[in-house]
Each structure stands twice: as structure tokens, then as C-alpha cells.
């Protein structure tokens, strides 16, 4: 299943790379494309991969979070890893 998620916490290219690498390492994720503008990730994953699993991986990598609906998610936080 391919879904687009809002990503909070990214503010630079290093953040983008960290988020992309982290999401690619989640078991069941087959493809990840991350962009800074807009701050989102297009993720192809198994149905069994939950939003909680993705968020858990991102929170371990830095001050990042993921949400399904960009219109209902607060503005992105700054300073995910190195640019606070």
C-alpha cells in the first residue's frame, strides 16, 4: 500500500536524509520518498505496518513525527536533529 504522510520536525537536508533512512529500515516498508517542501513522505509499505511503528522509529531518530492528514496536523516543528 502506498500512502503520503506529513512529516513534522524536518528543517534541512540532513533531517530529510535521516527521516528517509529511518523509515526505510522499518520492517515491512518497501519504498520511501521524502521531500522538505512540502514536508512529507510517500511510503510504500505492508498493510501490517502501523502509524505507531513509523512514529516509534522516527522518535528514536530525532524530534520527528508522522501524520496521515496534512490538513489536520500542526505546523512542522523545527530542529529535528542538527538545526534547532
N, C-alpha and C. Protein backbone atom coordinates (compact mmCIF):
# COMPACT_ATOMS: atom_id res chain seq x y z
N UNK A 1 0.83 -1.16 0.00
CA UNK A 1 0.00 0.00 0.00
C UNK A 1 0.89 1.24 0.00
N UNK A 2 0.58 2.22 -0.85
CA UNK A 2 1.34 3.45 -0.93
C UNK A 2 0.52 4.57 -0.30
N UNK A 3 1.13 5.31 0.65
CA UNK A 3 0.46 6.40 1.33
C UNK A 3 1.38 7.60 1.42
N UNK A 4 0.78 8.79 1.51
CA UNK A 4 1.53 10.02 1.72
C UNK A 4 1.27 10.51 3.13
N UNK A 5 2.35 10.81 3.85
CA UNK A 5 2.26 11.23 5.24
C UNK A 5 2.94 12.59 5.42
N UNK A 6 2.37 13.43 6.24
CA UNK A 6 3.01 14.66 6.68
C UNK A 6 4.14 14.28 7.64
N UNK A 7 5.27 14.98 7.54
CA UNK A 7 6.39 14.75 8.46
C UNK A 7 6.65 16.04 9.22
N UNK A 8 6.65 15.97 10.53
CA UNK A 8 6.97 17.12 11.38
C UNK A 8 8.39 16.99 11.89
N UNK A 9 9.08 18.12 12.00
CA UNK A 9 10.40 18.14 12.60
C UNK A 9 11.55 18.30 11.62
N UNK A 10 11.29 18.20 10.32
CA UNK A 10 12.37 18.34 9.34
C UNK A 10 12.56 19.82 9.00
N UNK A 11 13.83 20.24 8.94
CA UNK A 11 14.10 21.62 8.55
C UNK A 11 15.35 21.78 7.69
N UNK A 12 16.00 20.65 7.35
CA UNK A 12 17.19 20.75 6.50
C UNK A 12 17.40 19.43 5.75
N UNK A 13 18.37 19.43 4.86
CA UNK A 13 18.67 18.24 4.08
C UNK A 13 19.11 17.05 4.92
N UNK A 14 19.82 17.32 6.01
CA UNK A 14 20.25 16.25 6.89
C UNK A 14 19.05 15.59 7.57
N UNK A 15 18.08 16.41 7.98
CA UNK A 15 16.83 15.88 8.56
C UNK A 15 16.13 14.98 7.55
N UNK A 16 16.04 15.44 6.31
CA UNK A 16 15.38 14.67 5.25
C UNK A 16 16.04 13.31 5.09
N UNK A 17 17.38 13.29 5.05
CA UNK A 17 18.10 12.04 4.89
C UNK A 17 17.89 11.11 6.08
N UNK A 18 17.88 11.67 7.29
CA UNK A 18 17.66 10.87 8.49
C UNK A 18 16.28 10.23 8.47
N UNK A 19 15.26 11.02 8.14
CA UNK A 19 13.89 10.52 8.10
C UNK A 19 13.77 9.43 7.03
N UNK A 20 14.32 9.68 5.85
CA UNK A 20 14.23 8.70 4.77
C UNK A 20 14.90 7.38 5.16
N UNK A 21 16.11 7.46 5.68
CA UNK A 21 16.85 6.25 6.07
C UNK A 21 16.11 5.50 7.19
N UNK A 22 15.62 6.24 8.17
CA UNK A 22 14.92 5.62 9.30
C UNK A 22 13.67 4.88 8.84
N UNK A 23 12.88 5.51 7.98
CA UNK A 23 11.65 4.88 7.51
C UNK A 23 11.96 3.66 6.64
N UNK A 24 13.03 3.71 5.86
CA UNK A 24 13.40 2.58 5.01
C UNK A 24 13.79 1.36 5.84
N UNK A 25 14.24 1.59 7.06
CA UNK A 25 14.68 0.49 7.93
C UNK A 25 13.54 -0.19 8.69
N UNK A 26 12.33 0.37 8.62
CA UNK A 26 11.18 -0.24 9.30
C UNK A 26 10.79 -1.50 8.54
N UNK A 27 10.69 -2.62 9.26
CA UNK A 27 10.32 -3.90 8.65
C UNK A 27 8.93 -3.79 8.02
N UNK A 28 8.84 -4.11 6.73
CA UNK A 28 7.58 -4.03 6.01
C UNK A 28 7.48 -2.83 5.09
N UNK A 29 8.41 -1.88 5.23
CA UNK A 29 8.46 -0.71 4.34
C UNK A 29 9.30 -1.08 3.13
N UNK A 30 8.75 -0.89 1.93
CA UNK A 30 9.47 -1.28 0.72
C UNK A 30 10.03 -0.10 -0.06
N UNK A 31 9.44 1.09 0.13
CA UNK A 31 9.89 2.26 -0.62
C UNK A 31 9.56 3.52 0.16
N UNK A 32 10.49 4.50 0.14
CA UNK A 32 10.28 5.79 0.81
C UNK A 32 10.82 6.91 -0.07
N UNK A 33 10.01 7.96 -0.23
CA UNK A 33 10.45 9.18 -0.90
C UNK A 33 10.09 10.33 0.02
N UNK A 34 11.09 11.09 0.47
CA UNK A 34 10.86 12.18 1.41
C UNK A 34 11.18 13.50 0.73
N UNK A 35 10.35 14.52 0.99
CA UNK A 35 10.62 15.87 0.48
C UNK A 35 10.52 16.87 1.63
N UNK A 36 11.29 17.96 1.51
CA UNK A 36 11.26 19.02 2.52
C UNK A 36 10.13 20.00 2.27
N UNK A 37 9.81 20.25 1.01
CA UNK A 37 8.79 21.23 0.67
C UNK A 37 7.85 20.67 -0.36
N UNK A 38 6.71 20.14 0.04
CA UNK A 38 6.18 20.11 1.40
C UNK A 38 6.86 19.02 2.22
N UNK A 39 6.83 19.15 3.54
CA UNK A 39 7.47 18.15 4.40
C UNK A 39 6.63 16.88 4.48
N UNK A 40 6.91 15.96 3.58
CA UNK A 40 6.10 14.75 3.52
C UNK A 40 6.93 13.55 3.08
N UNK A 41 6.35 12.38 3.30
CA UNK A 41 6.97 11.13 2.86
C UNK A 41 5.92 10.31 2.13
N UNK A 42 6.30 9.79 0.98
CA UNK A 42 5.47 8.84 0.25
C UNK A 42 6.07 7.48 0.58
N UNK A 43 5.27 6.66 1.25
CA UNK A 43 5.76 5.39 1.77
C UNK A 43 4.96 4.24 1.18
N UNK A 44 5.68 3.28 0.63
CA UNK A 44 5.05 2.04 0.19
C UNK A 44 5.38 1.00 1.25
N UNK A 45 4.31 0.38 1.80
CA UNK A 45 4.51 -0.50 2.95
C UNK A 45 3.47 -1.60 2.97
N UNK A 46 3.75 -2.61 3.77
CA UNK A 46 2.78 -3.68 4.00
C UNK A 46 1.64 -3.12 4.85
N UNK A 47 0.45 -3.66 4.67
CA UNK A 47 -0.71 -3.22 5.46
C UNK A 47 -0.48 -3.38 6.96
N UNK A 48 0.37 -4.33 7.33
CA UNK A 48 0.61 -4.60 8.75
C UNK A 48 1.46 -3.53 9.43
N UNK A 49 2.12 -2.65 8.67
CA UNK A 49 2.94 -1.59 9.25
C UNK A 49 2.02 -0.46 9.71
N UNK A 50 2.04 -0.18 11.02
CA UNK A 50 1.14 0.83 11.57
C UNK A 50 1.80 2.20 11.66
N UNK A 51 0.96 3.20 11.81
CA UNK A 51 1.43 4.56 12.01
C UNK A 51 2.25 4.64 13.30
N UNK A 52 1.85 3.88 14.32
CA UNK A 52 2.60 3.85 15.58
C UNK A 52 4.02 3.32 15.38
N UNK A 53 4.17 2.30 14.54
CA UNK A 53 5.51 1.76 14.26
C UNK A 53 6.39 2.80 13.58
N UNK A 54 5.83 3.50 12.61
CA UNK A 54 6.58 4.53 11.89
C UNK A 54 6.97 5.66 12.85
N UNK A 55 6.03 6.10 13.69
CA UNK A 55 6.32 7.16 14.65
C UNK A 55 7.36 6.72 15.67
N UNK A 56 7.30 5.48 16.12
CA UNK A 56 8.29 4.99 17.09
C UNK A 56 9.69 5.05 16.50
N UNK A 57 9.84 4.63 15.25
CA UNK A 57 11.15 4.67 14.59
C UNK A 57 11.64 6.10 14.45
N UNK A 58 10.75 7.01 14.04
CA UNK A 58 11.15 8.41 13.85
C UNK A 58 11.51 9.08 15.17
N UNK A 59 10.79 8.77 16.23
CA UNK A 59 11.09 9.41 17.52
C UNK A 59 12.45 8.97 18.05
N UNK A 60 12.87 7.75 17.72
CA UNK A 60 14.20 7.28 18.12
C UNK A 60 15.30 8.00 17.34
N UNK A 61 14.98 8.42 16.11
CA UNK A 61 15.97 9.06 15.24
C UNK A 61 16.13 10.55 15.54
N UNK A 62 15.16 11.16 16.20
CA UNK A 62 15.21 12.59 16.48
C UNK A 62 13.84 13.12 16.83
N UNK A 63 13.67 14.40 16.74
CA UNK A 63 12.41 15.06 17.09
C UNK A 63 11.48 15.10 15.88
N UNK A 64 11.14 13.92 15.36
CA UNK A 64 10.31 13.81 14.17
C UNK A 64 9.02 13.09 14.51
N UNK A 65 7.97 13.41 13.76
CA UNK A 65 6.72 12.68 13.89
C UNK A 65 6.03 12.63 12.54
N UNK A 66 5.07 11.72 12.44
CA UNK A 66 4.41 11.46 11.17
C UNK A 66 2.90 11.50 11.39
N UNK A 67 2.17 11.98 10.39
CA UNK A 67 0.72 12.00 10.45
C UNK A 67 0.14 11.73 9.08
N UNK A 68 -1.06 11.18 9.00
CA UNK A 68 -1.65 10.82 7.72
C UNK A 68 -2.25 12.00 6.97
N UNK A 69 -2.78 12.97 7.68
CA UNK A 69 -3.53 14.04 7.02
C UNK A 69 -2.87 15.39 7.27
N UNK A 70 -2.25 15.97 6.27
CA UNK A 70 -1.53 17.24 6.41
C UNK A 70 -2.43 18.36 6.89
N UNK A 71 -3.69 18.37 6.50
CA UNK A 71 -4.59 19.46 6.86
C UNK A 71 -4.97 19.44 8.34
N UNK A 72 -4.81 18.31 9.01
CA UNK A 72 -5.17 18.20 10.42
C UNK A 72 -3.96 18.19 11.34
N UNK A 73 -2.77 18.31 10.77
CA UNK A 73 -1.53 18.23 11.55
C UNK A 73 -1.00 19.63 11.82
N UNK A 74 -0.54 19.92 13.04
CA UNK A 74 0.03 21.23 13.34
C UNK A 74 1.24 21.55 12.46
N UNK A 75 1.60 22.79 12.41
CA UNK A 75 2.76 23.23 11.64
C UNK A 75 3.99 22.44 12.04
N UNK A 76 4.90 22.18 11.08
CA UNK A 76 6.09 21.41 11.40
C UNK A 76 6.93 22.06 12.49
N UNK A 77 7.48 21.22 13.37
CA UNK A 77 8.39 21.69 14.41
C UNK A 77 9.76 21.86 13.79
N UNK A 78 10.52 22.78 14.30
CA UNK A 78 11.89 22.99 13.83
C UNK A 78 12.85 22.21 14.70
N UNK A 79 14.02 21.90 14.14
CA UNK A 79 15.11 21.35 14.93
C UNK A 79 15.03 19.86 15.18
N UNK A 80 14.84 19.08 14.14
CA UNK A 80 14.75 17.64 14.30
C UNK A 80 16.02 17.01 14.83
N UNK A 81 17.17 17.40 14.30
CA UNK A 81 18.40 16.74 14.73
C UNK A 81 19.54 17.71 14.92
N UNK A 82 19.81 18.53 13.92
CA UNK A 82 21.05 19.30 13.95
C UNK A 82 20.83 20.78 13.67
N UNK A 83 19.60 21.18 13.48
CA UNK A 83 19.37 22.55 13.00
C UNK A 83 18.41 23.31 13.89
N UNK A 84 18.35 22.96 15.17
CA UNK A 84 17.41 23.56 16.12
C UNK A 84 17.72 24.95 16.43
